[in-house]
N, C-alpha and C. Protein backbone atom coordinates (compact mmCIF):
# COMPACT_ATOMS: atom_id res chain seq x y z
N MET A 1 11.73 -10.55 13.93
CA MET A 1 12.48 -10.39 12.39
C MET A 1 11.97 -9.38 12.10
N GLU A 2 13.51 -8.47 11.48
CA GLU A 2 12.73 -6.89 11.00
C GLU A 2 12.58 -7.15 9.72
N GLY A 3 11.72 -5.35 9.06
CA GLY A 3 11.61 -5.51 8.47
C GLY A 3 11.87 -3.44 7.81
N ARG A 4 11.29 -3.17 6.34
CA ARG A 4 11.19 -2.20 6.32
C ARG A 4 9.88 -1.92 7.12
N ALA A 5 10.15 -0.47 7.29
CA ALA A 5 8.54 -0.18 7.49
C ALA A 5 7.03 -0.51 6.81
N ALA A 6 6.46 -0.68 6.63
CA ALA A 6 5.34 -0.62 5.56
C ALA A 6 3.85 -0.14 6.19
N VAL A 7 3.38 0.34 4.93
CA VAL A 7 1.97 0.81 5.42
C VAL A 7 1.24 -0.08 5.39
N ILE A 8 0.39 -0.48 5.82
CA ILE A 8 -0.78 -1.56 5.63
C ILE A 8 -2.38 -1.07 5.87
N LEU A 9 -3.10 -1.27 4.67
CA LEU A 9 -4.46 -0.61 5.15
C LEU A 9 -5.52 -2.30 5.36
N LEU A 10 -5.91 -2.28 6.51
CA LEU A 10 -6.52 -3.46 6.56
C LEU A 10 -8.32 -3.36 6.98
N VAL A 11 -8.67 -3.70 5.89
CA VAL A 11 -10.63 -3.07 5.81
C VAL A 11 -11.18 -4.52 6.00
N GLU A 12 -11.80 -3.90 6.71
CA GLU A 12 -12.38 -5.25 7.76
C GLU A 12 -13.23 -4.86 8.26
N ASP A 13 -14.18 -5.54 8.03
CA ASP A 13 -16.13 -5.07 8.91
C ASP A 13 -15.88 -6.17 10.72
N ASP A 14 -15.36 -6.93 10.65
CA ASP A 14 -15.66 -7.90 12.30
C ASP A 14 -14.25 -7.59 12.70
N LYS A 15 -14.68 -7.32 13.97
CA LYS A 15 -13.79 -6.04 14.83
C LYS A 15 -12.67 -7.24 15.70
N ALA A 16 -13.49 -8.56 15.87
CA ALA A 16 -12.36 -9.87 16.27
C ALA A 16 -11.34 -10.18 15.36
N HIS A 17 -11.56 -9.71 13.90
CA HIS A 17 -11.03 -10.48 13.24
C HIS A 17 -10.07 -9.34 12.87
N ALA A 18 -10.09 -8.30 12.77
CA ALA A 18 -9.06 -7.49 12.34
C ALA A 18 -8.37 -7.01 13.94
N LYS A 19 -8.97 -6.87 15.32
CA LYS A 19 -7.56 -7.32 16.26
C LYS A 19 -7.05 -8.16 16.37
N LEU A 20 -6.98 -9.41 15.79
CA LEU A 20 -6.51 -10.59 15.88
C LEU A 20 -5.77 -10.28 14.51
N ILE A 21 -6.01 -10.06 13.42
CA ILE A 21 -4.55 -9.68 12.56
C ILE A 21 -4.25 -8.58 12.61
N MET A 22 -4.19 -7.82 13.32
CA MET A 22 -3.03 -6.23 13.90
C MET A 22 -2.29 -6.75 14.60
N ARG A 23 -2.93 -7.84 16.25
CA ARG A 23 -1.98 -7.66 17.15
C ARG A 23 -0.99 -9.14 16.54
N THR A 24 -1.46 -10.12 15.96
CA THR A 24 -0.42 -11.59 15.23
C THR A 24 0.88 -10.39 14.45
N LEU A 25 -0.12 -9.07 13.68
CA LEU A 25 1.55 -8.80 12.87
C LEU A 25 2.72 -8.05 14.58
N GLU A 26 1.60 -7.84 15.20
CA GLU A 26 2.86 -7.02 16.26
C GLU A 26 3.73 -7.95 16.77
N GLU A 27 2.87 -8.74 17.01
CA GLU A 27 3.50 -9.87 17.85
C GLU A 27 4.58 -10.66 17.34
N ALA A 28 4.89 -10.97 15.93
CA ALA A 28 5.77 -11.47 14.80
C ALA A 28 6.81 -10.53 14.73
N LYS A 29 6.55 -9.09 15.57
CA LYS A 29 7.49 -8.13 15.09
C LYS A 29 7.67 -7.70 13.68
N ILE A 30 6.35 -7.80 13.32
CA ILE A 30 6.92 -7.59 11.67
C ILE A 30 6.73 -5.94 11.64
N ILE A 31 7.60 -5.00 11.57
CA ILE A 31 7.10 -3.73 11.02
C ILE A 31 6.26 -3.09 10.50
N ASN A 32 4.79 -2.27 11.29
CA ASN A 32 4.40 -1.74 10.23
C ASN A 32 3.34 -0.90 11.13
N LYS A 33 3.03 0.10 10.14
CA LYS A 33 1.59 0.73 10.52
C LYS A 33 0.60 0.07 10.02
N ILE A 34 -0.36 0.07 10.84
CA ILE A 34 -1.99 -0.73 10.05
C ILE A 34 -2.90 0.40 10.24
N TYR A 35 -3.66 0.82 9.62
CA TYR A 35 -4.60 1.32 9.41
C TYR A 35 -5.85 1.04 9.13
N TRP A 36 -6.83 0.38 10.07
CA TRP A 36 -8.24 -0.15 10.15
C TRP A 36 -9.21 0.35 9.89
N VAL A 37 -9.93 0.19 8.55
CA VAL A 37 -11.61 0.90 8.16
C VAL A 37 -11.98 -0.05 8.40
N LYS A 38 -13.46 -0.28 7.94
CA LYS A 38 -14.48 -1.22 8.71
C LYS A 38 -15.64 -1.10 7.07
N ASP A 39 -15.39 -0.66 6.72
CA ASP A 39 -16.49 -0.33 5.27
C ASP A 39 -15.79 -0.60 4.18
N GLY A 40 -16.33 -0.82 3.06
CA GLY A 40 -15.75 -0.39 1.21
C GLY A 40 -16.04 1.25 1.05
N LEU A 41 -16.76 1.20 1.14
CA LEU A 41 -16.46 3.09 1.35
C LEU A 41 -15.47 3.89 2.05
N GLU A 42 -14.95 4.05 3.48
CA GLU A 42 -14.42 4.16 3.53
C GLU A 42 -13.36 4.03 3.51
N ALA A 43 -13.21 2.63 2.96
CA ALA A 43 -11.51 1.82 2.62
C ALA A 43 -11.08 2.96 1.15
N LEU A 44 -12.81 3.64 -0.13
CA LEU A 44 -11.84 4.43 -0.99
C LEU A 44 -11.99 5.38 -0.25
N ASP A 45 -12.41 5.97 0.62
CA ASP A 45 -12.41 6.99 1.18
C ASP A 45 -10.57 7.50 1.76
N PHE A 46 -10.15 6.66 2.32
CA PHE A 46 -8.52 6.33 2.77
C PHE A 46 -8.00 6.13 1.50
N LEU A 47 -7.96 5.39 0.99
CA LEU A 47 -7.08 5.46 -0.73
C LEU A 47 -7.34 6.59 -1.56
N TYR A 48 -8.54 7.44 -1.26
CA TYR A 48 -8.46 8.88 -2.37
C TYR A 48 -8.41 9.91 -1.67
N ASN A 49 -7.76 9.49 -0.18
CA ASN A 49 -7.56 10.73 0.80
C ASN A 49 -8.74 11.78 0.78
N ARG A 50 -9.99 11.21 0.72
CA ARG A 50 -11.47 12.02 0.88
C ARG A 50 -11.79 12.16 1.92
N GLY A 51 -12.20 13.22 2.28
CA GLY A 51 -12.88 13.38 4.03
C GLY A 51 -12.02 13.60 5.39
N LYS A 52 -12.11 12.81 6.38
CA LYS A 52 -11.32 12.54 6.96
C LYS A 52 -10.12 11.94 7.07
N TYR A 53 -9.65 11.76 6.01
CA TYR A 53 -8.77 10.98 5.43
C TYR A 53 -7.99 12.18 4.08
N SER A 54 -8.11 13.36 4.31
CA SER A 54 -7.58 14.08 3.60
C SER A 54 -6.17 14.21 3.18
N ASP A 55 -5.77 14.06 4.51
CA ASP A 55 -4.34 14.83 5.17
C ASP A 55 -2.88 13.31 4.64
N LYS A 56 -2.24 13.74 3.46
CA LYS A 56 -2.01 12.36 3.16
C LYS A 56 -0.62 12.20 4.14
N LYS A 57 -0.28 13.34 4.67
CA LYS A 57 0.67 12.58 5.70
C LYS A 57 0.35 12.22 6.42
N ARG A 58 -0.72 11.97 7.04
CA ARG A 58 -1.06 11.02 8.15
C ARG A 58 -1.91 9.96 7.53
N PHE A 59 -2.19 9.88 6.75
CA PHE A 59 -3.14 8.56 5.67
C PHE A 59 -2.15 8.26 4.32
N PRO A 60 -0.99 7.91 4.27
CA PRO A 60 -0.15 7.93 3.05
C PRO A 60 -1.13 6.11 2.71
N LYS A 61 -0.73 6.31 1.35
CA LYS A 61 -0.83 5.29 0.39
C LYS A 61 -0.34 4.18 0.65
N PRO A 62 -1.02 3.00 1.27
CA PRO A 62 -0.02 1.85 1.70
C PRO A 62 0.17 1.42 0.69
N ASP A 63 1.20 0.20 0.75
CA ASP A 63 2.08 -0.56 0.66
C ASP A 63 1.36 -1.64 0.46
N LEU A 64 0.29 -2.21 0.89
CA LEU A 64 -0.36 -3.62 0.69
C LEU A 64 -2.63 -3.13 1.34
N ILE A 65 -2.81 -3.42 0.98
CA ILE A 65 -4.34 -3.94 1.09
C ILE A 65 -5.00 -5.22 1.63
N LEU A 66 -5.24 -5.40 2.63
CA LEU A 66 -6.17 -6.43 3.34
C LEU A 66 -7.09 -6.57 3.20
N LEU A 67 -8.21 -7.19 2.18
CA LEU A 67 -9.50 -6.64 1.94
C LEU A 67 -10.43 -8.11 2.07
N ASP A 68 -11.32 -7.56 3.01
CA ASP A 68 -12.37 -8.39 3.14
C ASP A 68 -13.78 -8.60 2.01
N LEU A 69 -14.42 -9.44 2.11
CA LEU A 69 -15.06 -9.28 0.92
C LEU A 69 -16.80 -8.83 0.82
N LYS A 70 -17.18 -9.38 2.66
CA LYS A 70 -18.24 -9.46 3.03
C LYS A 70 -18.17 -8.00 3.90
N LEU A 71 -18.50 -6.97 3.04
CA LEU A 71 -18.24 -5.26 3.38
C LEU A 71 -19.34 -4.73 3.40
N PRO A 72 -19.91 -4.28 4.57
CA PRO A 72 -21.18 -2.99 3.94
C PRO A 72 -20.63 -1.72 3.49
N LYS A 73 -22.09 -1.11 3.04
CA LYS A 73 -21.77 0.06 2.01
C LYS A 73 -21.25 -0.30 1.02
N LEU A 74 -20.15 -1.11 0.71
CA LEU A 74 -19.43 -1.48 -0.76
C LEU A 74 -18.77 -2.63 -0.37
N ASN A 75 -19.21 -3.94 -1.11
CA ASN A 75 -18.57 -4.83 -1.18
C ASN A 75 -17.22 -4.87 -1.40
N GLY A 76 -16.32 -5.93 -0.59
CA GLY A 76 -14.99 -6.26 -1.33
C GLY A 76 -14.73 -6.08 -2.31
N HIS A 77 -15.61 -7.28 -3.47
CA HIS A 77 -15.14 -7.06 -4.91
C HIS A 77 -15.76 -5.67 -5.43
N GLU A 78 -16.19 -4.60 -5.26
CA GLU A 78 -16.61 -3.46 -5.52
C GLU A 78 -15.06 -3.00 -5.40
N VAL A 79 -14.40 -2.77 -4.08
CA VAL A 79 -13.28 -2.06 -3.77
C VAL A 79 -12.65 -2.59 -4.76
N LEU A 80 -12.15 -3.78 -4.87
CA LEU A 80 -10.86 -4.64 -5.69
C LEU A 80 -10.95 -3.51 -7.03
N LYS A 81 -12.26 -3.92 -7.44
CA LYS A 81 -12.48 -3.53 -8.65
C LYS A 81 -11.81 -2.01 -8.98
N GLU A 82 -12.36 -1.13 -8.04
CA GLU A 82 -11.62 0.40 -7.87
C GLU A 82 -10.36 0.46 -8.15
N VAL A 83 -9.75 -0.45 -7.06
CA VAL A 83 -8.22 -0.34 -6.81
C VAL A 83 -7.54 -0.71 -8.02
N LYS A 84 -7.81 -1.75 -8.71
CA LYS A 84 -7.55 -2.40 -10.14
C LYS A 84 -7.26 -1.58 -11.12
N SER A 85 -8.32 -0.84 -10.81
CA SER A 85 -8.74 -0.04 -12.43
C SER A 85 -8.49 1.26 -12.21
N SER A 86 -8.14 1.72 -11.49
CA SER A 86 -7.00 3.18 -10.79
C SER A 86 -5.82 3.39 -10.91
N GLU A 87 -5.60 4.10 -12.64
CA GLU A 87 -3.63 4.45 -12.26
C GLU A 87 -3.20 4.36 -11.00
N ARG A 88 -3.86 5.59 -10.39
CA ARG A 88 -3.15 5.45 -9.07
C ARG A 88 -2.74 4.65 -7.81
N LEU A 89 -3.93 3.75 -7.72
CA LEU A 89 -3.97 2.72 -7.16
C LEU A 89 -3.70 1.26 -7.81
N LYS A 90 -3.57 1.04 -8.86
CA LYS A 90 -3.46 -0.71 -9.35
C LYS A 90 -2.04 -1.35 -8.68
N ILE A 91 -1.03 -0.33 -8.36
CA ILE A 91 0.57 -0.74 -8.19
C ILE A 91 0.15 -1.55 -6.96
N ILE A 92 -0.64 -1.13 -5.55
CA ILE A 92 -0.96 -1.57 -4.73
C ILE A 92 -1.04 -3.18 -4.64
N PRO A 93 -0.24 -3.85 -3.67
CA PRO A 93 -0.98 -5.68 -4.15
C PRO A 93 -2.12 -5.74 -2.81
N VAL A 94 -3.41 -6.34 -3.29
CA VAL A 94 -4.27 -6.65 -2.89
C VAL A 94 -4.63 -8.05 -2.12
N VAL A 95 -4.42 -8.18 -0.81
CA VAL A 95 -4.65 -9.56 -0.03
C VAL A 95 -6.05 -9.68 0.08
N VAL A 96 -6.91 -10.76 -0.61
CA VAL A 96 -8.23 -10.95 0.20
C VAL A 96 -8.30 -11.88 0.81
N LEU A 97 -8.73 -11.43 1.97
CA LEU A 97 -8.65 -12.23 3.46
C LEU A 97 -9.89 -12.47 3.46
N THR A 98 -10.87 -13.76 3.44
CA THR A 98 -12.09 -13.75 3.99
C THR A 98 -12.63 -14.72 3.77
N THR A 99 -14.09 -15.17 4.74
CA THR A 99 -14.37 -16.21 5.13
C THR A 99 -14.79 -17.32 3.66
N SER A 100 -15.24 -16.75 2.93
CA SER A 100 -15.41 -17.52 1.53
C SER A 100 -14.65 -18.19 0.76
N GLU A 101 -15.31 -19.27 0.82
CA GLU A 101 -14.80 -20.60 -0.11
C GLU A 101 -15.35 -20.49 -1.29
N ASP A 102 -16.78 -19.95 -1.81
CA ASP A 102 -17.24 -20.09 -2.89
C ASP A 102 -16.70 -19.63 -4.48
N GLU A 103 -16.66 -20.45 -5.21
CA GLU A 103 -15.91 -20.28 -6.57
C GLU A 103 -16.38 -19.28 -7.00
N ALA A 104 -16.94 -18.77 -7.31
CA ALA A 104 -17.92 -17.58 -7.45
C ALA A 104 -17.25 -16.52 -6.70
N ASP A 105 -16.69 -16.29 -6.17
CA ASP A 105 -16.23 -15.05 -5.42
C ASP A 105 -14.19 -15.22 -5.40
N ILE A 106 -14.09 -16.42 -5.67
CA ILE A 106 -12.44 -16.53 -6.07
C ILE A 106 -12.25 -16.75 -7.68
N ILE A 107 -13.26 -16.53 -8.29
CA ILE A 107 -13.08 -16.52 -9.97
C ILE A 107 -13.02 -15.13 -10.26
N ARG A 108 -13.86 -14.32 -9.59
CA ARG A 108 -14.37 -12.67 -9.21
C ARG A 108 -12.97 -11.88 -8.98
N ALA A 109 -12.44 -12.48 -8.06
CA ALA A 109 -11.56 -12.28 -6.87
C ALA A 109 -10.54 -11.51 -7.91
N TYR A 110 -10.27 -12.85 -8.69
CA TYR A 110 -8.89 -12.89 -9.75
C TYR A 110 -9.39 -11.82 -11.43
N LEU A 111 -10.01 -12.68 -11.30
CA LEU A 111 -10.52 -11.16 -12.62
C LEU A 111 -10.70 -10.57 -12.55
N ASN A 112 -10.71 -9.51 -11.20
CA ASN A 112 -10.24 -8.46 -10.73
C ASN A 112 -9.18 -8.35 -10.26
N TYR A 113 -7.99 -9.31 -10.61
CA TYR A 113 -6.69 -8.49 -10.21
C TYR A 113 -5.89 -9.02 -8.71
N THR A 114 -7.01 -9.47 -8.01
CA THR A 114 -6.64 -9.88 -6.43
C THR A 114 -5.13 -10.13 -6.09
N ASN A 115 -4.05 -9.81 -5.62
CA ASN A 115 -3.07 -10.49 -5.83
C ASN A 115 -2.57 -12.35 -5.12
N SER A 116 -3.85 -12.40 -4.16
CA SER A 116 -3.77 -13.24 -3.38
C SER A 116 -5.12 -13.11 -2.58
N TYR A 117 -5.97 -14.97 -2.79
CA TYR A 117 -7.01 -15.10 -1.53
C TYR A 117 -7.10 -16.06 -0.90
N LEU A 118 -6.78 -15.62 0.30
CA LEU A 118 -6.99 -16.41 0.84
C LEU A 118 -8.24 -16.59 1.94
N VAL A 119 -9.18 -18.13 2.31
CA VAL A 119 -9.72 -18.38 3.17
C VAL A 119 -9.08 -18.03 4.44
N LYS A 120 -9.79 -17.51 5.64
CA LYS A 120 -9.50 -16.96 7.16
C LYS A 120 -10.04 -18.34 7.40
N PRO A 121 -9.22 -19.42 8.55
CA PRO A 121 -9.70 -20.21 9.02
C PRO A 121 -10.25 -20.23 10.01
N ILE A 122 -11.03 -21.00 10.42
CA ILE A 122 -12.01 -21.11 11.83
C ILE A 122 -10.93 -21.34 13.11
N GLN A 123 -10.24 -21.98 13.22
CA GLN A 123 -9.61 -22.26 14.26
C GLN A 123 -8.45 -21.16 14.60
N PRO A 124 -8.39 -20.63 15.59
CA PRO A 124 -7.72 -19.24 16.27
C PRO A 124 -6.65 -19.12 15.80
N LYS A 125 -5.84 -20.42 16.15
CA LYS A 125 -4.54 -20.54 15.97
C LYS A 125 -3.93 -21.03 14.57
N LYS A 126 -4.49 -21.87 13.59
CA LYS A 126 -4.22 -21.25 11.99
C LYS A 126 -4.35 -20.44 11.70
N PHE A 127 -5.56 -19.48 12.19
CA PHE A 127 -6.12 -18.45 11.40
C PHE A 127 -4.34 -17.40 12.30
N ARG A 128 -3.72 -16.90 13.26
CA ARG A 128 -2.46 -16.35 13.50
C ARG A 128 -1.85 -16.84 12.66
N GLU A 129 -1.65 -17.82 12.82
CA GLU A 129 -0.21 -19.17 11.44
C GLU A 129 -0.22 -17.82 10.24
N MET A 130 -1.50 -17.99 9.99
CA MET A 130 -1.76 -18.03 8.18
C MET A 130 -1.95 -16.13 8.13
N VAL A 131 -2.14 -15.55 9.36
CA VAL A 131 -1.57 -13.81 9.47
C VAL A 131 -0.25 -14.00 9.66
N GLU A 132 0.28 -14.17 9.88
CA GLU A 132 2.05 -14.40 10.54
C GLU A 132 2.73 -14.76 9.09
N HIS A 133 2.31 -15.72 8.49
CA HIS A 133 3.20 -16.31 7.64
C HIS A 133 3.17 -14.93 6.10
N LEU A 134 1.45 -15.09 6.20
CA LEU A 134 0.73 -13.28 5.12
C LEU A 134 2.09 -12.17 5.18
N GLY A 135 1.95 -11.81 6.54
CA GLY A 135 2.94 -10.76 6.96
C GLY A 135 4.50 -10.80 6.26
N PHE A 136 4.97 -12.33 6.88
CA PHE A 136 6.10 -12.04 6.36
C PHE A 136 6.83 -12.38 4.61
N TYR A 137 5.60 -12.68 4.21
CA TYR A 137 5.67 -12.66 3.13
C TYR A 137 5.31 -11.58 2.31
N TRP A 138 4.05 -11.00 2.54
CA TRP A 138 4.00 -9.67 2.04
C TRP A 138 4.80 -8.42 2.43
N ILE A 139 5.66 -8.35 3.60
CA ILE A 139 5.95 -6.92 4.07
C ILE A 139 7.18 -7.50 4.36
N ILE A 140 8.16 -8.76 4.67
CA ILE A 140 9.33 -9.27 4.93
C ILE A 140 10.36 -9.71 3.52
N TRP A 141 9.68 -10.47 3.09
CA TRP A 141 10.22 -11.38 2.03
C TRP A 141 10.03 -10.54 0.79
N ASN A 142 8.76 -10.15 0.28
CA ASN A 142 8.46 -9.36 -0.83
C ASN A 142 9.14 -8.37 -1.29
N LYS A 143 9.56 -7.95 -2.38
CA LYS A 143 10.24 -6.27 -2.53
C LYS A 143 8.80 -6.19 -3.21
N LEU A 144 8.45 -4.86 -2.19
CA LEU A 144 7.45 -3.52 -2.76
C LEU A 144 8.35 -2.40 -3.51
N PRO A 145 7.49 -2.49 -4.04
CA PRO A 145 8.14 -0.85 -4.65
C PRO A 145 8.17 0.42 -3.54
N ARG A 146 9.18 1.64 -3.84
CA ARG A 146 9.45 1.71 -2.71
C ARG A 146 8.60 3.55 -2.91
N LYS A 147 8.34 4.27 -1.72
CA LYS A 147 7.32 5.02 -2.14
C LYS A 147 7.36 5.91 -3.44
N ASN A 148 8.36 6.73 -3.01
CA ASN A 148 8.95 7.63 -4.19
C ASN A 148 8.80 6.67 -5.40
N GLU A 149 9.10 5.36 -5.60
CA GLU A 149 9.63 5.66 -7.08
C GLU A 149 7.22 4.88 -7.71
N LYS A 150 6.81 5.05 -6.76
CA LYS A 150 5.27 4.40 -7.15
C LYS A 150 5.26 5.50 -7.32
N GLU A 151 5.30 6.40 -7.03
CA GLU A 151 4.43 8.17 -7.28
C GLU A 151 5.24 8.14 -8.96
N ASN A 152 6.54 7.86 -9.27
CA ASN A 152 6.88 8.13 -10.36
C ASN A 152 6.55 7.48 -11.42
N PHE A 153 6.31 6.17 -11.19
CA PHE A 153 5.47 5.13 -12.50
C PHE A 153 3.90 5.79 -12.51
N ALA A 154 2.80 6.24 -11.40
CA ALA A 154 1.85 5.97 -11.49
C ALA A 154 1.21 7.84 -12.30
N ARG A 155 0.38 7.13 -13.01
CA ARG A 155 0.24 7.85 -14.21
C ARG A 155 -1.50 8.90 -13.28
């Protein structure tokens, strides 16, 4: 299946999960560019083009953020709260992709305006299926704002 090019920011500290997500999206032929960061502080550096991510052409604002909650340095809840409180970033859809089924985590994520909350299945086959469907929905089927339009409306 083909779609428009999209930029995805994957915020995931588990290398095996990150590789499985990236490989699944690639094998499903979901056309995109995936940037992988391993902790919450690095995610914010990427999103605000700070430090090694200062080149906006090399590190563009993502169309979608896939966010784990259990992260080092700054947890996913804190990253989500920052993204959704920023005029520049809040338009970006954020999908929480986590192992936590804790009701408190789910409620907190939605109170901080997550666009979706998905629990990672334990079985690799089901995990791949979920990631493939997630990719099709958010990148192929869902209509995301065009880059230049996002910039025009961001304050």
